[in-house]
Every structure is written in structure tokens, then in C-alpha cells.
Amino acid sequence: MSTPDSTALAQQMSTRFAFLITGLAMSAWAPLIPFVKSRLAIGESTLGLLILCFGIGSLLAMPVTGLLVNRYGCRRVITTSLLLMCISLVCLAISPGIPGMAINLLLFGMMLGGTDVAMNMQAVVVEKASGRSMMSGFHGFYSLGGIFGAVVMSALLWFGLSPFHSLLSLTAVLLLMLAYSAKDLLPKAESEASGERDPFFVLPRGKVLLIGSLCFVAFLSEGAVLDWSAVFLNTLRGIDPVYAGLGFACFSVAMTIGRFTGDKIVNALGGTRVVLWGGLCAATGFLLVVFVPHSAAAFIGFTLVGVGASNIVPVLFTAAGNQDSMPMGLAISAVVSMGYAGLLAGPAVIGFIAELSSLSVSFGIVALGLLALAALAKKATTK
């Protein structure tokens, strides 16, 4: 018979597995992109439209997932989404033609978006039950999964496995992890406990709108480094394209380490100070990249962005779960959706601004957004 402590620990571990599996599945797609481009014989513009289908799928699923979790529970939604995500991941290697790939990427994005909302709802509940900060550590497992997924897929492809067999091998491991952890996901639907049913969808309001706006800025800063750091280092700092990706590597490693140490920092300093100083640190990183014309300064700057941004989103997600202006499920759905809108649309806006002026100006505007985020930290994270 399980004790309350053992049940809580099992629920915490199942949450970590959900984040890890999602990170692994998400990152496994990136090494596959060149193979998809070659197999379908398509150009960059068509490939960009296909990748957009993934983003559209995520944004379609996120706003309604909170309602589904409230009605059916985290366990059903997370396991169903992860199972369908694994199936669609394997199908990415064999989807017939452009229409088939577009549909599959749409489904893959929907399952990822649904899982993202549901596992963050589980994380909020588990964190509340523990009485201490845990959200940063959960997100750390997502980051860790992202690193391992890309490395494992690249290694399997390097050893000569086909994209299909590489994905099949990885997916088999993901399904075993899901089978092991699914039983400890939260089974009860929120609506069963309250006796009430939330509306299908509502627009974010009050503090949720503020938290979502700050998430938009935080995710936009991550997208800026993901999509534009290598271009900046190559074109404006003269770094060879082979090494230009190291800027994002510095950012990723710093963010992963920051998240695994973040819970202790949040417990010691409080969420408000973490968002405040995190925003200032990330803004300083971008300003260092822009105003110090040396490659070493750029690498240090991107590292500072990773350190600063690492715990902003986890703290804001916790704040969304603790506010009382909207039901938790709808609030988490809205905040995650607004955040991912920044991740998906932000880099395109940065590119547009860079076309009109320069990439340095774009990064400077992101820094200003992070300074505004820091200024609003207290209002967003306190009741």
C-alpha cells in the first residue's frame, strides 16, 4: 500500500518523465529536417510553410487543452497526446508527399501543444502539493530531453540508420518511458472535484493577460537566440558558419543548468526577484552582444541570456496557476499559447525589423522588452 509521501514522489517523477519525453520528441524532429527537404525535393520556402504547420497545430491545441484536462484529467490527456505524438513522430520519416507531411506536422504540433499545456497543469498541482518550488526543475527535464534527443538522433543517423529506423528506435524508448510513468499521472479531472464545467474558451483577462504578455516576451527572447544568434555571429562578428551555432549552444547549456538549480534559487529569493533579476540579466546579455563588437563578448552575452531567461517562464507558469482571476486550466492554456506565439512569430518580426534596420537593432528591442518584463515582475507574480 502506498503512503501519501510515496504517492507524491511518484507524481513528481511522472511529471519529470512527461517533460523529458516531450523534450526528446520535440528535438528529434530537428535533425530530420534536411532529410525531409531532400526526400520531398522542396525548397526553403516550401519547407518553411511545412514547419509553419507544426506551429499552427500547437497554437490550435493549446487554448482548448485546459478544458480537456479539467474534464478528463491530466493522465488521459497527457498519455493520449504523447501516444499520438510518438506515432506522428515516426510518420514524419515516411509521410507521402507535401500534403501528407503538412497534415502530419499539424498533428505533431497539436499533440505537442496539448501535452505542453497538460503537463504544466500537472506540474502546478504537484508543485502546490509539495509546498515548495519545483517548476524550474520540471522545465529542466524538458531542456535535458531537448539536448539528448538531438544528440541521440544525430548519432543514430551518423551510424547509418535510416530516418525511419532512427525515429522508430527513439520512439520505442519514449513509449517504454510513458508506460512506466503514466500510472502516476494525476487521474482526477478538476471538473469532477468542483462539480462545475468551464466554458470551451475564454480570452485571457486581468493578471492572466499580464502574465501571458510577459511569457510572450520571454519566449520571444528564446526564439531570437534560437533563430538569429548564428546569423548575427556570422554576419556581424565574422565567425565561421561552422562555429556560429556555438552561440545557441552557450545559451542552451546555461538555460539547462539554470533550470536545474532554479528551484533552490526560487525557494531562497522568491519568484518576484527571480523574474526581476532574470529579466535584467537577459537584457544585459543582449546589450552586451549588441554593443561590444567582439566575438567573445557575444558568446558571454548569449550565455547571460540563457542564465537570465532560464527561470522566468517556470515562475510565470506557477503564477498563472496560482492567480484567481481565471480557472487554472484556462489560465495555463492562455499563458502557454501566448508564450508560444512569441516563440513562433517573434523571430519573424525580428527578421522584418532587421531587414529595415539591422539585427543589432532587433536585439536591442528584445532587450527593451526584457527590461519591461523585469519592471512588471512584482505585479505579475504577487496576488
Protein backbone atom coordinates (compact mmCIF):
# COMPACT_ATOMS: atom_id res chain seq x y z
CA MET A 1 0.00 0.00 0.00
CA SER A 2 1.43 3.39 -0.98
CA THR A 3 1.86 6.15 1.60
CA PRO A 4 1.00 9.81 0.93
CA ASP A 5 4.71 10.61 0.67
CA SER A 6 5.38 7.81 -1.82
CA THR A 7 2.36 8.84 -3.89
CA ALA A 8 3.56 12.45 -4.02
CA LEU A 9 7.06 11.36 -5.02
CA ALA A 10 5.63 9.13 -7.75
CA GLN A 11 3.53 12.00 -9.09
CA GLN A 12 6.58 14.27 -9.11
CA MET A 13 8.60 11.65 -11.00
CA SER A 14 5.81 11.10 -13.55
CA THR A 15 5.77 14.87 -14.16
CA ARG A 16 9.52 14.84 -14.80
CA PHE A 17 9.07 11.97 -17.26
CA ALA A 18 6.34 13.88 -19.12
CA PHE A 19 8.65 16.88 -19.57
CA LEU A 20 11.60 14.65 -20.53
CA ILE A 21 9.61 12.66 -23.12
CA THR A 22 8.22 15.84 -24.66
CA GLY A 23 11.69 17.39 -24.91
CA LEU A 24 13.08 14.23 -26.51
CA ALA A 25 10.26 14.03 -29.07
CA MET A 26 10.43 17.72 -29.92
CA SER A 27 14.19 17.76 -30.52
CA ALA A 28 14.15 14.54 -32.56
CA TRP A 29 12.43 16.45 -35.37
CA ALA A 30 15.25 18.97 -35.90
CA PRO A 31 17.92 16.54 -37.26
CA LEU A 32 15.27 15.10 -39.58
CA ILE A 33 14.56 18.37 -41.40
CA PRO A 34 17.37 18.07 -44.02
CA PHE A 35 16.23 14.53 -44.86
CA VAL A 36 12.62 15.67 -45.29
CA LYS A 37 13.76 18.52 -47.54
CA SER A 38 15.79 16.13 -49.68
CA ARG A 39 13.16 13.36 -49.83
CA LEU A 40 10.37 15.73 -50.86
CA ALA A 41 12.70 17.72 -53.17
CA ILE A 42 11.43 21.06 -51.88
CA GLY A 43 12.97 24.50 -51.46
CA GLU A 44 13.37 26.65 -48.39
CA SER A 45 10.08 28.50 -48.84
CA THR A 46 8.03 25.29 -49.05
CA LEU A 47 9.94 23.85 -46.11
CA GLY A 48 9.18 26.99 -44.13
CA LEU A 49 5.46 26.60 -44.85
CA LEU A 50 5.59 22.97 -43.74
CA ILE A 51 7.28 23.94 -40.47
CA LEU A 52 4.61 26.60 -40.03
CA CYS A 53 2.02 23.78 -39.99
CA PHE A 54 3.73 22.49 -36.84
CA GLY A 55 3.37 25.89 -35.17
CA ILE A 56 -0.25 26.25 -36.26
CA GLY A 57 -1.06 22.82 -34.84
CA SER A 58 0.45 23.75 -31.47
CA LEU A 59 -1.46 27.02 -31.27
CA LEU A 60 -4.73 25.32 -32.25
CA ALA A 61 -4.47 22.74 -29.47
CA MET A 62 -3.18 24.88 -26.61
CA PRO A 63 -6.25 27.09 -25.94
CA VAL A 64 -8.62 24.12 -25.53
CA THR A 65 -6.36 21.67 -23.69
CA GLY A 66 -7.05 23.24 -20.31
CA LEU A 67 -10.74 22.45 -20.75
CA LEU A 68 -9.93 18.85 -21.73
CA VAL A 69 -7.74 18.39 -18.65
CA ASN A 70 -10.44 19.83 -16.40
CA ARG A 71 -12.95 17.36 -17.83
CA TYR A 72 -10.83 14.22 -18.31
CA GLY A 73 -7.80 14.63 -16.03
CA CYS A 74 -4.09 15.01 -16.69
CA ARG A 75 -3.46 11.29 -17.09
CA ARG A 76 -5.85 10.77 -20.00
CA VAL A 77 -4.84 13.93 -21.85
CA ILE A 78 -1.07 13.53 -21.39
CA THR A 79 -0.96 9.82 -22.25
CA THR A 80 -3.21 10.23 -25.29
CA SER A 81 -1.26 13.24 -26.55
CA LEU A 82 2.13 11.59 -26.02
CA LEU A 83 1.00 8.36 -27.67
CA LEU A 84 -0.28 10.19 -30.76
CA MET A 85 2.83 12.38 -30.74
CA CYS A 86 5.06 9.29 -30.88
CA ILE A 87 3.04 7.84 -33.75
CA SER A 88 3.15 11.09 -35.73
CA LEU A 89 6.89 11.42 -35.00
CA VAL A 90 7.63 8.11 -36.71
CA CYS A 91 5.34 9.03 -39.60
CA LEU A 92 7.37 12.19 -40.24
CA ALA A 93 10.01 9.97 -41.86
CA ILE A 94 7.58 8.32 -44.27
CA SER A 95 4.79 10.85 -44.90
CA PRO A 96 3.89 10.69 -48.61
CA GLY A 97 4.26 13.99 -50.43
CA ILE A 98 3.84 17.56 -49.29
CA PRO A 99 0.14 17.29 -48.27
CA GLY A 100 0.84 14.22 -46.15
CA MET A 101 3.78 15.91 -44.45
CA ALA A 102 1.71 19.05 -43.80
CA ILE A 103 -1.08 17.03 -42.15
CA ASN A 104 1.40 15.02 -40.11
CA LEU A 105 3.24 18.12 -38.90
CA LEU A 106 -0.09 19.71 -37.99
CA LEU A 107 -0.95 16.63 -35.90
CA PHE A 108 2.54 16.51 -34.37
CA GLY A 109 2.24 20.17 -33.40
CA MET A 110 -1.23 19.68 -31.93
CA MET A 111 -0.07 16.78 -29.78
CA LEU A 112 2.99 18.68 -28.61
CA GLY A 113 0.90 21.75 -27.79
CA GLY A 114 -1.67 19.69 -25.92
CA THR A 115 0.99 17.86 -23.94
CA ASP A 116 2.73 21.12 -23.09
CA VAL A 117 -0.38 22.62 -21.51
CA ALA A 118 -1.44 19.42 -19.73
CA MET A 119 1.96 18.65 -18.23
CA ASN A 120 2.31 22.23 -16.98
CA MET A 121 -1.11 21.92 -15.33
CA GLN A 122 0.08 18.71 -13.68
CA ALA A 123 3.28 20.50 -12.64
CA VAL A 124 1.32 23.33 -10.99
CA VAL A 125 -0.81 20.89 -8.97
CA VAL A 126 2.18 18.75 -7.93
CA GLU A 127 4.19 21.84 -7.00
CA LYS A 128 1.33 23.21 -4.87
CA ALA A 129 1.04 19.88 -3.04
CA SER A 130 4.77 19.85 -2.27
CA GLY A 131 4.74 23.34 -0.75
CA ARG A 132 7.99 24.30 -2.48
CA SER A 133 9.21 25.43 -5.87
CA MET A 134 9.56 22.60 -8.39
CA MET A 135 8.60 24.14 -11.73
CA SER A 136 12.13 25.09 -12.82
CA GLY A 137 13.33 21.53 -12.30
CA PHE A 138 10.44 20.16 -14.34
CA HIS A 139 11.33 22.50 -17.19
CA GLY A 140 14.96 21.47 -16.76
CA PHE A 141 13.99 17.94 -17.76
CA TYR A 142 12.40 19.34 -20.93
CA SER A 143 15.66 21.13 -21.73
CA LEU A 144 17.65 17.98 -20.94
CA GLY A 145 15.38 15.97 -23.22
CA GLY A 146 15.94 18.53 -25.95
CA ILE A 147 19.69 18.12 -25.73
CA PHE A 148 19.64 14.31 -25.58
CA GLY A 149 17.02 13.95 -28.31
CA ALA A 150 19.05 15.95 -30.81
CA VAL A 151 22.29 14.15 -29.87
CA VAL A 152 20.77 10.66 -30.00
CA MET A 153 19.00 11.24 -33.32
CA SER A 154 22.13 12.74 -34.87
CA ALA A 155 24.19 9.79 -33.62
CA LEU A 156 21.75 7.21 -34.99
CA LEU A 157 21.73 8.92 -38.38
CA TRP A 158 25.53 9.21 -38.31
CA PHE A 159 25.82 5.45 -37.67
CA GLY A 160 23.87 4.85 -40.87
CA LEU A 161 20.34 4.12 -39.68
CA SER A 162 17.61 5.45 -41.92
CA PRO A 163 15.46 8.32 -40.60
CA PHE A 164 12.56 5.89 -40.19
CA HIS A 165 14.52 3.32 -38.17
CA SER A 166 16.19 6.07 -36.13
CA LEU A 167 12.81 7.51 -35.16
CA LEU A 168 11.39 4.04 -34.56
CA SER A 169 14.24 3.24 -32.15
CA LEU A 170 13.83 6.51 -30.26
CA THR A 171 10.05 6.19 -30.16
CA ALA A 172 10.29 2.69 -28.67
CA VAL A 173 12.26 4.16 -25.77
CA LEU A 174 9.75 7.01 -25.38
CA LEU A 175 6.84 4.56 -25.24
CA LEU A 176 8.59 2.48 -22.57
CA MET A 177 9.14 5.65 -20.52
CA LEU A 178 5.48 6.59 -20.96
CA ALA A 179 4.28 3.10 -19.97
CA TYR A 180 6.41 3.27 -16.81
CA SER A 181 5.28 6.72 -15.70
CA ALA A 182 1.67 7.06 -16.93
CA LYS A 183 0.10 5.30 -13.94
CA ASP A 184 1.31 8.06 -11.60
CA LEU A 185 -0.05 10.99 -13.60
CA LEU A 186 -2.93 12.81 -11.92
CA PRO A 187 -6.13 10.92 -12.80
CA LYS A 188 -8.87 13.19 -11.49
CA ALA A 189 -10.47 15.88 -13.62
CA GLU A 190 -10.83 19.29 -11.98
CA SER A 191 -14.47 19.48 -13.03
CA GLU A 192 -15.19 16.21 -11.20
CA ALA A 193 -13.91 17.77 -7.98
CA SER A 194 -15.75 21.07 -8.34
CA GLY A 195 -18.94 19.85 -9.97
CA GLU A 196 -18.68 22.71 -12.47
CA ARG A 197 -17.65 22.83 -16.09
CA ASP A 198 -15.58 25.63 -17.54
CA PRO A 199 -16.51 27.31 -20.83
CA PHE A 200 -14.92 25.96 -24.00
CA PHE A 201 -12.68 29.00 -24.41
CA VAL A 202 -12.32 32.47 -22.92
CA LEU A 203 -9.95 35.30 -23.73
CA PRO A 204 -7.23 35.92 -21.13
CA ARG A 205 -8.04 38.73 -18.74
CA GLY A 206 -6.67 40.51 -15.71
CA LYS A 207 -3.46 39.11 -14.30
CA VAL A 208 -3.52 36.21 -16.78
CA LEU A 209 -3.25 38.68 -19.66
CA LEU A 210 -0.27 40.32 -17.96
CA ILE A 211 1.46 37.00 -17.25
CA GLY A 212 0.81 35.85 -20.82
CA SER A 213 2.27 39.08 -22.21
CA LEU A 214 5.44 38.59 -20.16
CA CYS A 215 5.63 34.98 -21.36
CA PHE A 216 5.38 36.30 -24.92
CA VAL A 217 8.46 38.48 -24.29
CA ALA A 218 10.36 35.65 -22.57
CA PHE A 219 9.67 33.16 -25.36
CA LEU A 220 10.45 35.80 -27.98
CA SER A 221 13.90 36.26 -26.45
CA GLU A 222 14.47 32.49 -26.61
CA GLY A 223 13.34 32.43 -30.24
CA ALA A 224 15.66 35.33 -31.04
CA VAL A 225 18.67 33.33 -29.87
CA LEU A 226 17.44 30.11 -31.47
CA ASP A 227 16.85 31.55 -34.93
CA TRP A 228 19.17 34.56 -35.15
CA SER A 229 22.24 34.06 -32.93
CA ALA A 230 24.15 32.10 -35.59
CA VAL A 231 23.26 34.66 -38.27
CA PHE A 232 24.39 37.50 -36.00
CA LEU A 233 27.70 35.82 -35.17
CA ASN A 234 28.40 35.02 -38.81
CA THR A 235 27.38 38.29 -40.48
CA LEU A 236 28.17 40.88 -37.80
CA ARG A 237 31.03 39.26 -35.87
CA GLY A 238 32.69 37.41 -38.74
CA ILE A 239 32.58 33.96 -37.15
CA ASP A 240 32.80 30.97 -39.49
CA PRO A 241 29.38 29.33 -40.07
CA VAL A 242 30.78 26.07 -38.68
CA TYR A 243 31.19 27.71 -35.27
CA ALA A 244 28.33 30.21 -35.37
CA GLY A 245 25.97 27.71 -33.76
CA LEU A 246 28.04 27.82 -30.58
CA GLY A 247 26.16 30.94 -29.52
CA PHE A 248 22.96 28.93 -29.21
CA ALA A 249 24.91 26.10 -27.55
CA CYS A 250 26.13 28.52 -24.85
CA PHE A 251 22.55 29.71 -24.37
CA SER A 252 21.13 26.16 -24.16
CA VAL A 253 23.69 24.85 -21.68
CA ALA A 254 23.28 27.93 -19.47
CA MET A 255 19.49 27.59 -19.56
CA THR A 256 19.58 23.88 -18.69
CA ILE A 257 21.93 24.42 -15.74
CA GLY A 258 19.88 27.43 -14.65
CA ARG A 259 16.69 25.40 -14.58
CA PHE A 260 18.14 22.53 -12.59
CA THR A 261 19.39 24.99 -9.98
CA GLY A 262 16.36 27.26 -10.30
CA ASP A 263 14.11 25.68 -7.67
CA LYS A 264 16.65 26.33 -4.92
CA ILE A 265 17.04 29.90 -6.14
CA VAL A 266 13.27 30.47 -6.24
CA ASN A 267 12.85 28.96 -2.77
CA ALA A 268 15.61 31.25 -1.46
CA LEU A 269 14.76 34.50 -3.25
CA GLY A 270 11.11 34.19 -4.23
CA GLY A 271 9.56 34.22 -7.70
CA THR A 272 9.36 38.00 -7.99
CA ARG A 273 13.09 38.53 -7.54
CA VAL A 274 13.90 35.66 -9.89
CA VAL A 275 11.82 37.22 -12.68
CA LEU A 276 13.18 40.71 -11.91
CA TRP A 277 16.86 39.75 -11.89
CA GLY A 278 16.37 37.20 -14.66
CA GLY A 279 14.92 39.86 -16.95
CA LEU A 280 17.76 42.25 -16.12
CA CYS A 281 20.38 39.53 -16.69
CA ALA A 282 18.90 38.50 -20.05
CA ALA A 283 18.59 42.14 -21.16
CA THR A 284 22.23 42.73 -20.16
CA GLY A 285 23.22 39.73 -22.26
CA PHE A 286 21.54 41.11 -25.38
CA LEU A 287 23.03 44.57 -24.80
CA LEU A 288 26.49 43.02 -24.41
CA VAL A 289 26.01 41.17 -27.70
CA VAL A 290 24.96 44.38 -29.45
CA PHE A 291 27.33 47.00 -28.05
CA VAL A 292 30.62 45.12 -27.54
CA PRO A 293 31.98 44.31 -31.02
CA HIS A 294 33.91 41.18 -30.11
CA SER A 295 33.02 37.53 -30.63
CA ALA A 296 33.92 36.57 -27.04
CA ALA A 297 31.53 39.22 -25.73
CA ALA A 298 28.78 37.78 -27.94
CA PHE A 299 29.27 34.28 -26.53
CA ILE A 300 29.24 35.66 -22.98
CA GLY A 301 26.15 37.68 -23.82
CA PHE A 302 24.19 34.69 -25.14
CA THR A 303 25.24 32.76 -22.03
CA LEU A 304 23.84 35.56 -19.84
CA VAL A 305 20.58 35.44 -21.81
CA GLY A 306 20.34 31.72 -21.05
CA VAL A 307 21.05 32.24 -17.35
CA GLY A 308 18.56 35.09 -17.05
CA ALA A 309 15.76 33.54 -19.09
CA SER A 310 16.08 30.05 -17.59
CA ASN A 311 13.64 30.51 -14.71
CA ILE A 312 11.39 33.33 -15.93
CA VAL A 313 8.89 31.09 -17.72
CA PRO A 314 8.65 28.46 -14.94
CA VAL A 315 7.92 31.18 -12.35
CA LEU A 316 5.33 32.80 -14.62
CA PHE A 317 3.62 29.43 -15.23
CA THR A 318 3.43 28.94 -11.46
CA ALA A 319 1.94 32.42 -11.12
CA ALA A 320 -0.67 31.55 -13.76
CA GLY A 321 -1.65 28.50 -11.73
CA ASN A 322 -1.93 30.49 -8.50
CA GLN A 323 -3.93 33.53 -9.70
CA ASP A 324 -7.67 33.76 -9.06
CA SER A 325 -8.97 35.81 -11.99
CA MET A 326 -9.48 32.73 -14.21
CA PRO A 327 -9.79 28.94 -13.69
CA MET A 328 -6.35 27.31 -13.62
CA GLY A 329 -6.84 25.20 -16.75
CA LEU A 330 -7.95 28.11 -18.90
CA ALA A 331 -5.24 30.33 -17.43
CA ILE A 332 -2.42 27.86 -18.16
CA SER A 333 -3.78 27.32 -21.69
CA ALA A 334 -3.86 31.06 -22.35
CA VAL A 335 -0.40 31.74 -20.92
CA VAL A 336 1.26 28.85 -22.77
CA SER A 337 -0.47 29.89 -26.01
CA MET A 338 0.70 33.50 -25.70
CA GLY A 339 4.21 32.34 -24.87
CA TYR A 340 4.45 30.07 -27.88
CA ALA A 341 3.06 32.81 -30.09
CA GLY A 342 6.15 34.79 -29.10
CA LEU A 343 8.40 31.84 -29.88
CA LEU A 344 6.82 31.27 -33.30
CA ALA A 345 6.02 34.78 -34.50
CA GLY A 346 8.77 36.68 -32.70
CA PRO A 347 11.70 35.57 -34.86
CA ALA A 348 9.81 36.59 -38.00
CA VAL A 349 9.22 40.05 -36.54
CA ILE A 350 12.90 40.26 -35.59
CA GLY A 351 13.84 39.40 -39.17
CA PHE A 352 11.48 42.07 -40.52
CA ILE A 353 12.98 44.72 -38.23
CA ALA A 354 16.48 43.58 -39.17
CA GLU A 355 15.60 43.95 -42.84
CA LEU A 356 14.52 47.56 -42.24
CA SER A 357 17.46 48.43 -39.97
CA SER A 358 19.85 45.79 -38.59
CA LEU A 359 19.94 42.69 -36.44
CA SER A 360 21.61 44.75 -33.72
CA VAL A 361 18.54 47.00 -33.57
CA SER A 362 16.30 43.92 -33.35
CA PHE A 363 18.29 42.51 -30.43
CA GLY A 364 18.19 45.94 -28.78
CA ILE A 365 14.39 45.96 -28.98
CA VAL A 366 14.29 42.49 -27.39
CA ALA A 367 16.48 43.85 -24.57
CA LEU A 368 13.98 46.68 -24.01
CA GLY A 369 11.18 44.13 -23.82
CA LEU A 370 13.10 42.19 -21.17
CA LEU A 371 13.64 45.38 -19.17
CA ALA A 372 9.87 45.98 -19.27
CA LEU A 373 9.36 42.38 -18.14
CA ALA A 374 11.66 42.99 -15.17
CA ALA A 375 9.76 46.17 -14.27
CA LEU A 376 6.44 44.27 -14.20
CA ALA A 377 7.78 41.25 -12.29
CA LYS A 378 6.19 42.13 -8.96
CA LYS A 379 2.77 42.88 -10.43
CA ALA A 380 2.73 39.58 -12.35
CA THR A 381 3.97 37.26 -9.61
CA THR A 382 2.17 38.52 -6.49
CA LYS A 383 -1.52 38.10 -5.68
